[in-house]
Amino acid sequence: KATSGSLEGLDLKLHDFGYRGVSSQESAALGGAAHLVNFCSTD
């Protein structure tokens, strides 16, 4: 907002790179879905 005057594209600004770094498939699912509460960008 401070450097562009708008919030356009905010939902895509943080991409989840965390799949390989968690402890299990279920952690990836729970954590990955939790991130998607706030953003729409993920691997």
Full PDB file with SEQRES, HELIX, SHEET, SSBOND, CRYST1, ORIGX, SCALE, CONECT and MASTER records, all heavy atoms in Angstrom:
SEQRES   1 A   43  LYS ALA THR SER GLY SER LEU GLU GLY LEU ASP LEU LYS          
SEQRES   2 A   43  LEU HIS ASP PHE GLY TYR ARG GLY VAL SER SER GLN GLU          
SEQRES   3 A   43  SER ALA ALA LEU GLY GLY ALA ALA HIS LEU VAL ASN PHE          
SEQRES   4 A   43  CYS SER THR ASP                                              
HELIX    1 AA1 LEU A   10  LEU A   12  5                                   3    
HELIX    2 AA2 TYR A   19  GLY A   21  5                                   3    
HELIX    3 AA3 GLN A   25  HIS A   35  1                                  11    
CRYST1    1.000    1.000    1.000  90.00  90.00  90.00 P 1           1          
ORIGX1      1.000000  0.000000  0.000000        0.00000                         
ORIGX2      0.000000  1.000000  0.000000        0.00000                         
ORIGX3      0.000000  0.000000  1.000000        0.00000                         
SCALE1      1.000000  0.000000  0.000000        0.00000                         
SCALE2      0.000000  1.000000  0.000000        0.00000                         
SCALE3      0.000000  0.000000  1.000000        0.00000                         
ATOM      1  N   LYS A   1       0.828  -1.207   0.000  1.00  0.00           N  
ATOM      2  CA  LYS A   1       0.000   0.000   0.000  1.00  0.00           C  
ATOM      3  C   LYS A   1       0.864   1.260   0.000  1.00  0.00           C  
ATOM      4  O   LYS A   1       0.605   2.214  -0.749  1.00  0.00           O  
ATOM      5  CB  LYS A   1      -0.904  -0.013   1.243  1.00  0.00           C  
ATOM      6  CG  LYS A   1      -1.796   1.201   1.390  1.00  0.00           C  
ATOM      7  CD  LYS A   1      -2.971   1.146   0.460  1.00  0.00           C  
ATOM      8  CE  LYS A   1      -3.967   2.258   0.778  1.00  0.00           C  
ATOM      9  NZ  LYS A   1      -5.074   2.295  -0.189  1.00  0.00           N  
ATOM     10  N   ALA A   2       1.931   1.258   0.804  1.00  0.00           N  
ATOM     11  CA  ALA A   2       2.786   2.447   0.914  1.00  0.00           C  
ATOM     12  C   ALA A   2       3.547   2.735  -0.372  1.00  0.00           C  
ATOM     13  O   ALA A   2       3.812   3.899  -0.687  1.00  0.00           O  
ATOM     14  CB  ALA A   2       3.768   2.264   2.070  1.00  0.00           C  
ATOM     15  N   THR A   3       3.901   1.681  -1.131  1.00  0.00           N  
ATOM     16  CA  THR A   3       4.763   1.892  -2.304  1.00  0.00           C  
ATOM     17  C   THR A   3       4.051   1.713  -3.640  1.00  0.00           C  
ATOM     18  O   THR A   3       4.663   1.895  -4.690  1.00  0.00           O  
ATOM     19  CB  THR A   3       5.972   0.930  -2.268  1.00  0.00           C  
ATOM     20  OG1 THR A   3       5.502  -0.428  -2.326  1.00  0.00           O  
ATOM     21  CG2 THR A   3       6.807   1.144  -1.016  1.00  0.00           C  
ATOM     22  N   SER A   4       2.748   1.370  -3.595  1.00  0.00           N  
ATOM     23  CA  SER A   4       2.015   1.248  -4.865  1.00  0.00           C  
ATOM     24  C   SER A   4       0.673   1.964  -4.834  1.00  0.00           C  
ATOM     25  O   SER A   4       0.059   2.180  -5.869  1.00  0.00           O  
ATOM     26  CB  SER A   4       1.775  -0.225  -5.212  1.00  0.00           C  
ATOM     27  OG  SER A   4       0.735  -0.772  -4.425  1.00  0.00           O  
ATOM     28  N   GLY A   5       0.194   2.286  -3.619  1.00  0.00           N  
ATOM     29  CA  GLY A   5      -1.083   2.976  -3.502  1.00  0.00           C  
ATOM     30  C   GLY A   5      -2.275   2.045  -3.488  1.00  0.00           C  
ATOM     31  O   GLY A   5      -3.412   2.494  -3.357  1.00  0.00           O  
ATOM     32  N   SER A   6      -2.049   0.721  -3.631  1.00  0.00           N  
ATOM     33  CA  SER A   6      -3.171  -0.217  -3.607  1.00  0.00           C  
ATOM     34  C   SER A   6      -2.724  -1.555  -3.015  1.00  0.00           C  
ATOM     35  O   SER A   6      -1.539  -1.763  -2.733  1.00  0.00           O  
ATOM     36  CB  SER A   6      -3.727  -0.427  -5.017  1.00  0.00           C  
ATOM     37  OG  SER A   6      -3.069  -1.479  -5.680  1.00  0.00           O  
ATOM     38  N   LEU A   7      -3.683  -2.466  -2.858  1.00  0.00           N  
ATOM     39  CA  LEU A   7      -3.380  -3.813  -2.350  1.00  0.00           C  
ATOM     40  C   LEU A   7      -3.581  -4.862  -3.442  1.00  0.00           C  
ATOM     41  O   LEU A   7      -3.727  -6.058  -3.157  1.00  0.00           O  
ATOM     42  CB  LEU A   7      -4.272  -4.139  -1.149  1.00  0.00           C  
ATOM     43  CG  LEU A   7      -4.037  -3.297   0.106  1.00  0.00           C  
ATOM     44  CD1 LEU A   7      -5.031  -3.664   1.202  1.00  0.00           C  
ATOM     45  CD2 LEU A   7      -2.612  -3.470   0.625  1.00  0.00           C  
ATOM     46  N   GLU A   8      -3.556  -4.429  -4.679  1.00  0.00           N  
ATOM     47  CA  GLU A   8      -3.759  -5.357  -5.797  1.00  0.00           C  
ATOM     48  C   GLU A   8      -2.678  -6.439  -5.811  1.00  0.00           C  
ATOM     49  O   GLU A   8      -1.493  -6.143  -5.691  1.00  0.00           O  
ATOM     50  CB  GLU A   8      -3.741  -4.586  -7.125  1.00  0.00           C  
ATOM     51  CG  GLU A   8      -4.170  -5.436  -8.304  1.00  0.00           C  
ATOM     52  CD  GLU A   8      -4.176  -4.637  -9.606  1.00  0.00           C  
ATOM     53  OE1 GLU A   8      -4.175  -3.385  -9.560  1.00  0.00           O  
ATOM     54  OE2 GLU A   8      -4.167  -5.272 -10.672  1.00  0.00           O  
ATOM     55  N   GLY A   9      -3.105  -7.677  -5.923  1.00  0.00           N  
ATOM     56  CA  GLY A   9      -2.150  -8.787  -5.990  1.00  0.00           C  
ATOM     57  C   GLY A   9      -1.665  -9.289  -4.644  1.00  0.00           C  
ATOM     58  O   GLY A   9      -0.835 -10.197  -4.581  1.00  0.00           O  
ATOM     59  N   LEU A  10      -2.211  -8.736  -3.550  1.00  0.00           N  
ATOM     60  CA  LEU A  10      -1.739  -9.125  -2.212  1.00  0.00           C  
ATOM     61  C   LEU A  10      -1.905 -10.627  -1.953  1.00  0.00           C  
ATOM     62  O   LEU A  10      -1.027 -11.259  -1.360  1.00  0.00           O  
ATOM     63  CB  LEU A  10      -2.501  -8.316  -1.147  1.00  0.00           C  
ATOM     64  CG  LEU A  10      -2.197  -8.635   0.319  1.00  0.00           C  
ATOM     65  CD1 LEU A  10      -0.726  -8.383   0.650  1.00  0.00           C  
ATOM     66  CD2 LEU A  10      -3.102  -7.819   1.253  1.00  0.00           C  
ATOM     67  N   ASP A  11      -3.006 -11.197  -2.416  1.00  0.00           N  
ATOM     68  CA  ASP A  11      -3.291 -12.616  -2.153  1.00  0.00           C  
ATOM     69  C   ASP A  11      -2.287 -13.576  -2.784  1.00  0.00           C  
ATOM     70  O   ASP A  11      -2.258 -14.760  -2.449  1.00  0.00           O  
ATOM     71  CB  ASP A  11      -4.692 -12.980  -2.660  1.00  0.00           C  
ATOM     72  CG  ASP A  11      -5.795 -12.345  -1.823  1.00  0.00           C  
ATOM     73  OD1 ASP A  11      -5.465 -11.812  -0.751  1.00  0.00           O  
ATOM     74  OD2 ASP A  11      -6.963 -12.383  -2.234  1.00  0.00           O  
ATOM     75  N   LEU A  12      -1.474 -13.062  -3.715  1.00  0.00           N  
ATOM     76  CA  LEU A  12      -0.485 -13.919  -4.400  1.00  0.00           C  
ATOM     77  C   LEU A  12       0.948 -13.597  -3.976  1.00  0.00           C  
ATOM     78  O   LEU A  12       1.892 -14.160  -4.516  1.00  0.00           O  
ATOM     79  CB  LEU A  12      -0.618 -13.755  -5.914  1.00  0.00           C  
ATOM     80  CG  LEU A  12      -1.952 -14.213  -6.513  1.00  0.00           C  
ATOM     81  CD1 LEU A  12      -2.068 -13.757  -7.967  1.00  0.00           C  
ATOM     82  CD2 LEU A  12      -2.119 -15.719  -6.421  1.00  0.00           C  
ATOM     83  N   LYS A  13       1.092 -12.719  -3.004  1.00  0.00           N  
ATOM     84  CA  LYS A  13       2.431 -12.214  -2.664  1.00  0.00           C  
ATOM     85  C   LYS A  13       3.302 -13.195  -1.883  1.00  0.00           C  
ATOM     86  O   LYS A  13       4.527 -13.074  -1.877  1.00  0.00           O  
ATOM     87  CB  LYS A  13       2.319 -10.907  -1.858  1.00  0.00           C  
ATOM     88  CG  LYS A  13       2.112  -9.668  -2.706  1.00  0.00           C  
ATOM     89  CD  LYS A  13       3.396  -9.279  -3.408  1.00  0.00           C  
ATOM     90  CE  LYS A  13       3.232  -8.082  -4.307  1.00  0.00           C  
ATOM     91  NZ  LYS A  13       4.431  -7.830  -5.095  1.00  0.00           N  
ATOM     92  N   LEU A  14       2.674 -14.152  -1.173  1.00  0.00           N  
ATOM     93  CA  LEU A  14       3.470 -15.113  -0.394  1.00  0.00           C  
ATOM     94  C   LEU A  14       3.130 -16.528  -0.858  1.00  0.00           C  
ATOM     95  O   LEU A  14       2.011 -17.004  -0.686  1.00  0.00           O  
ATOM     96  CB  LEU A  14       3.197 -14.984   1.102  1.00  0.00           C  
ATOM     97  CG  LEU A  14       4.106 -15.865   1.974  1.00  0.00           C  
ATOM     98  CD1 LEU A  14       5.546 -15.364   1.945  1.00  0.00           C  
ATOM     99  CD2 LEU A  14       3.597 -15.940   3.405  1.00  0.00           C  
ATOM    100  N   HIS A  15       4.118 -17.192  -1.431  1.00  0.00           N  
ATOM    101  CA  HIS A  15       3.940 -18.534  -2.000  1.00  0.00           C  
ATOM    102  C   HIS A  15       4.476 -19.569  -1.014  1.00  0.00           C  
ATOM    103  O   HIS A  15       5.583 -19.426  -0.492  1.00  0.00           O  
ATOM    104  CB  HIS A  15       4.707 -18.611  -3.328  1.00  0.00           C  
ATOM    105  CG  HIS A  15       4.287 -19.747  -4.209  1.00  0.00           C  
ATOM    106  ND1 HIS A  15       3.208 -19.653  -5.058  1.00  0.00           N  
ATOM    107  CD2 HIS A  15       4.796 -20.994  -4.377  1.00  0.00           C  
ATOM    108  CE1 HIS A  15       3.084 -20.795  -5.721  1.00  0.00           C  
ATOM    109  NE2 HIS A  15       4.032 -21.628  -5.316  1.00  0.00           N  
ATOM    110  N   ASP A  16       3.684 -20.607  -0.769  1.00  0.00           N  
ATOM    111  CA  ASP A  16       4.070 -21.664   0.163  1.00  0.00           C  
ATOM    112  C   ASP A  16       5.067 -22.618  -0.497  1.00  0.00           C  
ATOM    113  O   ASP A  16       4.717 -23.350  -1.415  1.00  0.00           O  
ATOM    114  CB  ASP A  16       2.806 -22.413   0.606  1.00  0.00           C  
ATOM    115  CG  ASP A  16       3.080 -23.601   1.513  1.00  0.00           C  
ATOM    116  OD1 ASP A  16       4.256 -23.860   1.830  1.00  0.00           O  
ATOM    117  OD2 ASP A  16       2.106 -24.272   1.898  1.00  0.00           O  
ATOM    118  N   PHE A  17       6.325 -22.591  -0.007  1.00  0.00           N  
ATOM    119  CA  PHE A  17       7.395 -23.476  -0.484  1.00  0.00           C  
ATOM    120  C   PHE A  17       7.667 -24.617   0.507  1.00  0.00           C  
ATOM    121  O   PHE A  17       8.697 -25.262   0.443  1.00  0.00           O  
ATOM    122  CB  PHE A  17       8.709 -22.676  -0.612  1.00  0.00           C  
ATOM    123  CG  PHE A  17       8.849 -21.850  -1.866  1.00  0.00           C  
ATOM    124  CD1 PHE A  17       7.857 -21.786  -2.823  1.00  0.00           C  
ATOM    125  CD2 PHE A  17      10.020 -21.120  -2.091  1.00  0.00           C  
ATOM    126  CE1 PHE A  17       8.007 -21.024  -3.972  1.00  0.00           C  
ATOM    127  CE2 PHE A  17      10.183 -20.355  -3.239  1.00  0.00           C  
ATOM    128  CZ  PHE A  17       9.176 -20.302  -4.184  1.00  0.00           C  
ATOM    129  N   GLY A  18       6.755 -24.852   1.459  1.00  0.00           N  
ATOM    130  CA  GLY A  18       7.109 -25.644   2.626  1.00  0.00           C  
ATOM    131  C   GLY A  18       6.876 -27.144   2.583  1.00  0.00           C  
ATOM    132  O   GLY A  18       7.170 -27.834   3.569  1.00  0.00           O  
ATOM    133  N   TYR A  19       6.340 -27.673   1.472  1.00  0.00           N  
ATOM    134  CA  TYR A  19       5.931 -29.088   1.439  1.00  0.00           C  
ATOM    135  C   TYR A  19       7.050 -30.026   1.886  1.00  0.00           C  
ATOM    136  O   TYR A  19       6.878 -30.869   2.762  1.00  0.00           O  
ATOM    137  CB  TYR A  19       5.475 -29.435   0.014  1.00  0.00           C  
ATOM    138  CG  TYR A  19       4.581 -30.641  -0.139  1.00  0.00           C  
ATOM    139  CD1 TYR A  19       3.847 -30.826  -1.306  1.00  0.00           C  
ATOM    140  CD2 TYR A  19       4.434 -31.594   0.858  1.00  0.00           C  
ATOM    141  CE1 TYR A  19       3.003 -31.925  -1.478  1.00  0.00           C  
ATOM    142  CE2 TYR A  19       3.598 -32.697   0.699  1.00  0.00           C  
ATOM    143  CZ  TYR A  19       2.887 -32.855  -0.481  1.00  0.00           C  
ATOM    144  OH  TYR A  19       2.060 -33.941  -0.648  1.00  0.00           O  
ATOM    145  N   ARG A  20       8.239 -29.876   1.300  1.00  0.00           N  
ATOM    146  CA  ARG A  20       9.338 -30.811   1.596  1.00  0.00           C  
ATOM    147  C   ARG A  20       9.943 -30.605   2.982  1.00  0.00           C  
ATOM    148  O   ARG A  20      10.671 -31.467   3.467  1.00  0.00           O  
ATOM    149  CB  ARG A  20      10.450 -30.635   0.555  1.00  0.00           C  
ATOM    150  CG  ARG A  20      11.209 -29.322   0.674  1.00  0.00           C  
ATOM    151  CD  ARG A  20      12.113 -29.047  -0.504  1.00  0.00           C  
ATOM    152  NE  ARG A  20      11.365 -28.975  -1.748  1.00  0.00           N  
ATOM    153  CZ  ARG A  20      11.930 -28.861  -2.951  1.00  0.00           C  
ATOM    154  NH1 ARG A  20      13.232 -28.807  -3.059  1.00  0.00           N  
ATOM    155  NH2 ARG A  20      11.177 -28.788  -4.026  1.00  0.00           N  
ATOM    156  N   GLY A  21       9.663 -29.481   3.604  1.00  0.00           N  
ATOM    157  CA  GLY A  21      10.337 -29.156   4.861  1.00  0.00           C  
ATOM    158  C   GLY A  21       9.574 -29.522   6.112  1.00  0.00           C  
ATOM    159  O   GLY A  21      10.049 -29.289   7.215  1.00  0.00           O  
ATOM    160  N   VAL A  22       8.371 -30.104   5.944  1.00  0.00           N  
ATOM    161  CA  VAL A  22       7.590 -30.471   7.129  1.00  0.00           C  
ATOM    162  C   VAL A  22       7.807 -31.942   7.484  1.00  0.00           C  
ATOM    163  O   VAL A  22       8.478 -32.674   6.768  1.00  0.00           O  
ATOM    164  CB  VAL A  22       6.080 -30.178   6.933  1.00  0.00           C  
ATOM    165  CG1 VAL A  22       5.835 -28.693   6.875  1.00  0.00           C  
ATOM    166  CG2 VAL A  22       5.548 -30.857   5.687  1.00  0.00           C  
ATOM    167  N   SER A  23       7.193 -32.351   8.577  1.00  0.00           N  
ATOM    168  CA  SER A  23       7.494 -33.663   9.147  1.00  0.00           C  
ATOM    169  C   SER A  23       6.689 -34.807   8.553  1.00  0.00           C  
ATOM    170  O   SER A  23       7.026 -35.968   8.768  1.00  0.00           O  
ATOM    171  CB  SER A  23       7.258 -33.614  10.663  1.00  0.00           C  
ATOM    172  OG  SER A  23       5.916 -33.241  10.925  1.00  0.00           O  
ATOM    173  N   SER A  24       5.610 -34.501   7.844  1.00  0.00           N  
ATOM    174  CA  SER A  24       4.760 -35.576   7.337  1.00  0.00           C  
ATOM    175  C   SER A  24       3.802 -35.048   6.283  1.00  0.00           C  
ATOM    176  O   SER A  24       3.639 -33.832   6.122  1.00  0.00           O  
ATOM    177  CB  SER A  24       3.934 -36.185   8.481  1.00  0.00           C  
ATOM    178  OG  SER A  24       2.996 -35.229   8.953  1.00  0.00           O  
ATOM    179  N   GLN A  25       3.120 -35.975   5.610  1.00  0.00           N  
ATOM    180  CA  GLN A  25       2.099 -35.575   4.644  1.00  0.00           C  
ATOM    181  C   GLN A  25       0.965 -34.830   5.339  1.00  0.00           C  
ATOM    182  O   GLN A  25       0.427 -33.859   4.799  1.00  0.00           O  
ATOM    183  CB  GLN A  25       1.544 -36.817   3.933  1.00  0.00           C  
ATOM    184  CG  GLN A  25       2.514 -37.471   2.959  1.00  0.00           C  
ATOM    185  CD  GLN A  25       2.791 -36.604   1.738  1.00  0.00           C  
ATOM    186  OE1 GLN A  25       1.947 -35.845   1.286  1.00  0.00           O  
ATOM    187  NE2 GLN A  25       3.994 -36.726   1.210  1.00  0.00           N  
ATOM    188  N   GLU A  26       0.590 -35.284   6.549  1.00  0.00           N  
ATOM    189  CA  GLU A  26      -0.513 -34.623   7.244  1.00  0.00           C  
ATOM    190  C   GLU A  26      -0.132 -33.210   7.687  1.00  0.00           C  
ATOM    191  O   GLU A  26      -0.943 -32.289   7.611  1.00  0.00           O  
ATOM    192  CB  GLU A  26      -0.972 -35.440   8.446  1.00  0.00           C  
ATOM    193  CG  GLU A  26      -2.252 -34.882   9.038  1.00  0.00           C  
ATOM    194  CD  GLU A  26      -2.855 -35.758  10.112  1.00  0.00           C  
ATOM    195  OE1 GLU A  26      -2.094 -36.394  10.871  1.00  0.00           O  
ATOM    196  OE2 GLU A  26      -4.089 -35.793  10.217  1.00  0.00           O  
ATOM    197  N   SER A  27       1.111 -33.031   8.107  1.00  0.00           N  
ATOM    198  CA  SER A  27       1.570 -31.675   8.444  1.00  0.00           C  
ATOM    199  C   SER A  27       1.504 -30.775   7.217  1.00  0.00           C  
ATOM    200  O   SER A  27       1.074 -29.623   7.301  1.00  0.00           O  
ATOM    201  CB  SER A  27       3.012 -31.708   8.967  1.00  0.00           C  
ATOM    202  OG  SER A  27       3.097 -32.408  10.174  1.00  0.00           O  
ATOM    203  N   ALA A  28       1.932 -31.306   6.066  1.00  0.00           N  
ATOM    204  CA  ALA A  28       1.887 -30.526   4.830  1.00  0.00           C  
ATOM    205  C   ALA A  28       0.447 -30.135   4.505  1.00  0.00           C  
ATOM    206  O   ALA A  28       0.175 -29.001   4.084  1.00  0.00           O  
ATOM    207  CB  ALA A  28       2.500 -31.321   3.685  1.00  0.00           C  
ATOM    208  N   ALA A  29      -0.477 -31.081   4.694  1.00  0.00           N  
ATOM    209  CA  ALA A  29      -1.881 -30.812   4.389  1.00  0.00           C  
ATOM    210  C   ALA A  29      -2.466 -29.762   5.332  1.00  0.00           C  
ATOM    211  O   ALA A  29      -3.077 -28.784   4.893  1.00  0.00           O  
ATOM    212  CB  ALA A  29      -2.681 -32.110   4.474  1.00  0.00           C  
ATOM    213  N   LEU A  30      -2.250 -29.957   6.640  1.00  0.00           N  
ATOM    214  CA  LEU A  30      -2.781 -29.017   7.632  1.00  0.00           C  
ATOM    215  C   LEU A  30      -2.156 -27.632   7.504  1.00  0.00           C  
ATOM    216  O   LEU A  30      -2.843 -26.616   7.498  1.00  0.00           O  
ATOM    217  CB  LEU A  30      -2.523 -29.556   9.037  1.00  0.00           C  
ATOM    218  CG  LEU A  30      -3.616 -30.385   9.696  1.00  0.00           C  
ATOM    219  CD1 LEU A  30      -3.092 -31.021  10.968  1.00  0.00           C  
ATOM    220  CD2 LEU A  30      -4.840 -29.529  10.002  1.00  0.00           C  
ATOM    221  N   GLY A  31      -0.821 -27.602   7.425  1.00  0.00           N  
ATOM    222  CA  GLY A  31      -0.123 -26.322   7.319  1.00  0.00           C  
ATOM    223  C   GLY A  31      -0.399 -25.642   5.990  1.00  0.00           C  
ATOM    224  O   GLY A  31      -0.608 -24.429   5.922  1.00  0.00           O  
ATOM    225  N   GLY A  32      -0.391 -26.441   4.923  1.00  0.00           N  
ATOM    226  CA  GLY A  32      -0.651 -25.877   3.590  1.00  0.00           C  
ATOM    227  C   GLY A  32      -2.035 -25.272   3.499  1.00  0.00           C  
ATOM    228  O   GLY A  32      -2.222 -24.192   2.926  1.00  0.00           O  
ATOM    229  N   ALA A  33      -3.035 -25.952   4.081  1.00  0.00           N  
ATOM    230  CA  ALA A  33      -4.400 -25.416   4.067  1.00  0.00           C  
ATOM    231  C   ALA A  33      -4.513 -24.172   4.942  1.00  0.00           C  
ATOM    232  O   ALA A  33      -5.229 -23.224   4.608  1.00  0.00           O  
ATOM    233  CB  ALA A  33      -5.387 -26.485   4.541  1.00  0.00           C  
ATOM    234  N   ALA A  34      -3.783 -24.173   6.064  1.00  0.00           N  
ATOM    235  CA  ALA A  34      -3.818 -23.004   6.960  1.00  0.00           C  
ATOM    236  C   ALA A  34      -3.290 -21.753   6.252  1.00  0.00           C  
ATOM    237  O   ALA A  34      -3.827 -20.660   6.425  1.00  0.00           O  
ATOM    238  CB  ALA A  34      -2.997 -23.297   8.218  1.00  0.00           C  
ATOM    239  N   HIS A  35      -2.249 -21.916   5.445  1.00  0.00           N  
ATOM    240  CA  HIS A  35      -1.727 -20.785   4.666  1.00  0.00           C  
ATOM    241  C   HIS A  35      -2.771 -20.285   3.671  1.00  0.00           C  
ATOM    242  O   HIS A  35      -2.881 -19.083   3.411  1.00  0.00           O  
ATOM    243  CB  HIS A  35      -0.449 -21.203   3.938  1.00  0.00           C  
ATOM    244  CG  HIS A  35       0.058 -20.198   2.958  1.00  0.00           C  
ATOM    245  ND1 HIS A  35       0.542 -18.963   3.336  1.00  0.00           N  
ATOM    246  CD2 HIS A  35       0.148 -20.225   1.605  1.00  0.00           C  
ATOM    247  CE1 HIS A  35       0.924 -18.282   2.261  1.00  0.00           C  
ATOM    248  NE2 HIS A  35       0.678 -19.024   1.202  1.00  0.00           N  
ATOM    249  N   LEU A  36      -3.546 -21.216   3.117  1.00  0.00           N  
ATOM    250  CA  LEU A  36      -4.540 -20.850   2.099  1.00  0.00           C  
ATOM    251  C   LEU A  36      -5.738 -20.110   2.681  1.00  0.00           C  
ATOM    252  O   LEU A  36      -6.582 -19.618   1.942  1.00  0.00           O  
ATOM    253  CB  LEU A  36      -4.994 -22.104   1.347  1.00  0.00           C  
ATOM    254  CG  LEU A  36      -3.918 -22.743   0.467  1.00  0.00           C  
ATOM    255  CD1 LEU A  36      -4.366 -24.100  -0.048  1.00  0.00           C  
ATOM    256  CD2 LEU A  36      -3.539 -21.825  -0.691  1.00  0.00           C  
ATOM    257  N   VAL A  37      -5.824 -19.996   3.999  1.00  0.00           N  
ATOM    258  CA  VAL A  37      -6.818 -19.127   4.621  1.00  0.00           C  
ATOM    259  C   VAL A  37      -6.536 -17.671   4.241  1.00  0.00           C  
ATOM    260  O   VAL A  37      -7.452 -16.862   4.084  1.00  0.00           O  
ATOM    261  CB  VAL A  37      -6.800 -19.297   6.157  1.00  0.00           C  
ATOM    262  CG1 VAL A  37      -7.625 -18.216   6.855  1.00  0.00           C  
ATOM    263  CG2 VAL A  37      -7.314 -20.682   6.533  1.00  0.00           C  
ATOM    264  N   ASN A  38      -5.241 -17.351   4.063  1.00  0.00           N  
ATOM    265  CA  ASN A  38      -4.835 -15.957   3.846  1.00  0.00           C  
ATOM    266  C   ASN A  38      -4.358 -15.646   2.434  1.00  0.00           C  
ATOM    267  O   ASN A  38      -4.439 -14.501   1.988  1.00  0.00           O  
ATOM    268  CB  ASN A  38      -3.692 -15.623   4.817  1.00  0.00           C  
ATOM    269  CG  ASN A  38      -4.067 -15.886   6.252  1.00  0.00           C  
ATOM    270  OD1 ASN A  38      -4.931 -15.217   6.806  1.00  0.00           O  
ATOM    271  ND2 ASN A  38      -3.440 -16.883   6.870  1.00  0.00           N  
ATOM    272  N   PHE A  39      -3.815 -16.639   1.742  1.00  0.00           N  
ATOM    273  CA  PHE A  39      -3.249 -16.435   0.408  1.00  0.00           C  
ATOM    274  C   PHE A  39      -3.782 -17.484  -0.571  1.00  0.00           C  
ATOM    275  O   PHE A  39      -4.381 -18.480  -0.159  1.00  0.00           O  
ATOM    276  CB  PHE A  39      -1.713 -16.524   0.469  1.00  0.00           C  
ATOM    277  CG  PHE A  39      -1.066 -15.395   1.212  1.00  0.00           C  
ATOM    278  CD1 PHE A  39      -0.819 -15.486   2.584  1.00  0.00           C  
ATOM    279  CD2 PHE A  39      -0.696 -14.221   0.555  1.00  0.00           C  
ATOM    280  CE1 PHE A  39      -0.220 -14.441   3.276  1.00  0.00           C  
ATOM    281  CE2 PHE A  39      -0.096 -13.171   1.241  1.00  0.00           C  
ATOM    282  CZ  PHE A  39       0.142 -13.277   2.599  1.00  0.00           C  
ATOM    283  N   CYS A  40      -3.548 -17.253  -1.849  1.00  0.00           N  
ATOM    284  CA  CYS A  40      -3.995 -18.178  -2.902  1.00  0.00           C  
ATOM    285  C   CYS A  40      -2.813 -18.743  -3.677  1.00  0.00           C  
ATOM    286  O   CYS A  40      -2.979 -19.235  -4.793  1.00  0.00           O  
ATOM    287  CB  CYS A  40      -4.926 -17.472  -3.878  1.00  0.00           C  
ATOM    288  SG  CYS A  40      -6.394 -16.791  -3.121  1.00  0.00           S  
ATOM    289  N   SER A  41      -1.620 -18.667  -3.113  1.00  0.00           N  
ATOM    290  CA  SER A  41      -0.408 -19.002  -3.847  1.00  0.00           C  
ATOM    291  C   SER A  41       0.353 -20.105  -3.116  1.00  0.00           C  
ATOM    292  O   SER A  41       0.742 -19.934  -1.963  1.00  0.00           O  
ATOM    293  CB  SER A  41       0.458 -17.740  -3.960  1.00  0.00           C  
ATOM    294  OG  SER A  41       1.497 -17.899  -4.881  1.00  0.00           O  
ATOM    295  N   THR A  42       0.545 -21.262  -3.768  1.00  0.00           N  
ATOM    296  CA  THR A  42       1.172 -22.384  -3.065  1.00  0.00           C  
ATOM    297  C   THR A  42       1.745 -23.418  -4.016  1.00  0.00           C  
ATOM    298  O   THR A  42       1.277 -23.560  -5.143  1.00  0.00           O  
ATOM    299  CB  THR A  42       0.144 -23.081  -2.145  1.00  0.00           C  
ATOM    300  OG1 THR A  42       0.797 -24.087  -1.382  1.00  0.00           O  
ATOM    301  CG2 THR A  42      -0.974 -23.745  -2.940  1.00  0.00           C  
ATOM    302  N   ASP A  43       2.748 -24.139  -3.535  1.00  0.00           N  
ATOM    303  CA  ASP A  43       3.246 -25.332  -4.206  1.00  0.00           C  
ATOM    304  C   ASP A  43       2.995 -26.576  -3.354  1.00  0.00           C  
ATOM    305  O   ASP A  43       3.449 -27.663  -3.688  1.00  0.00           O  
ATOM    306  CB  ASP A  43       4.760 -25.203  -4.494  1.00  0.00           C  
ATOM    307  CG  ASP A  43       5.032 -24.906  -5.961  1.00  0.00           C  
ATOM    308  OD1 ASP A  43       4.224 -24.187  -6.580  1.00  0.00           O  
ATOM    309  OD2 ASP A  43       6.056 -25.377  -6.504  1.00  0.00           O  
TER     310      ASP A  43                                                      
MASTER        0    0    0    3    0    0    0    6  309    1    0    4          
END                                                                             
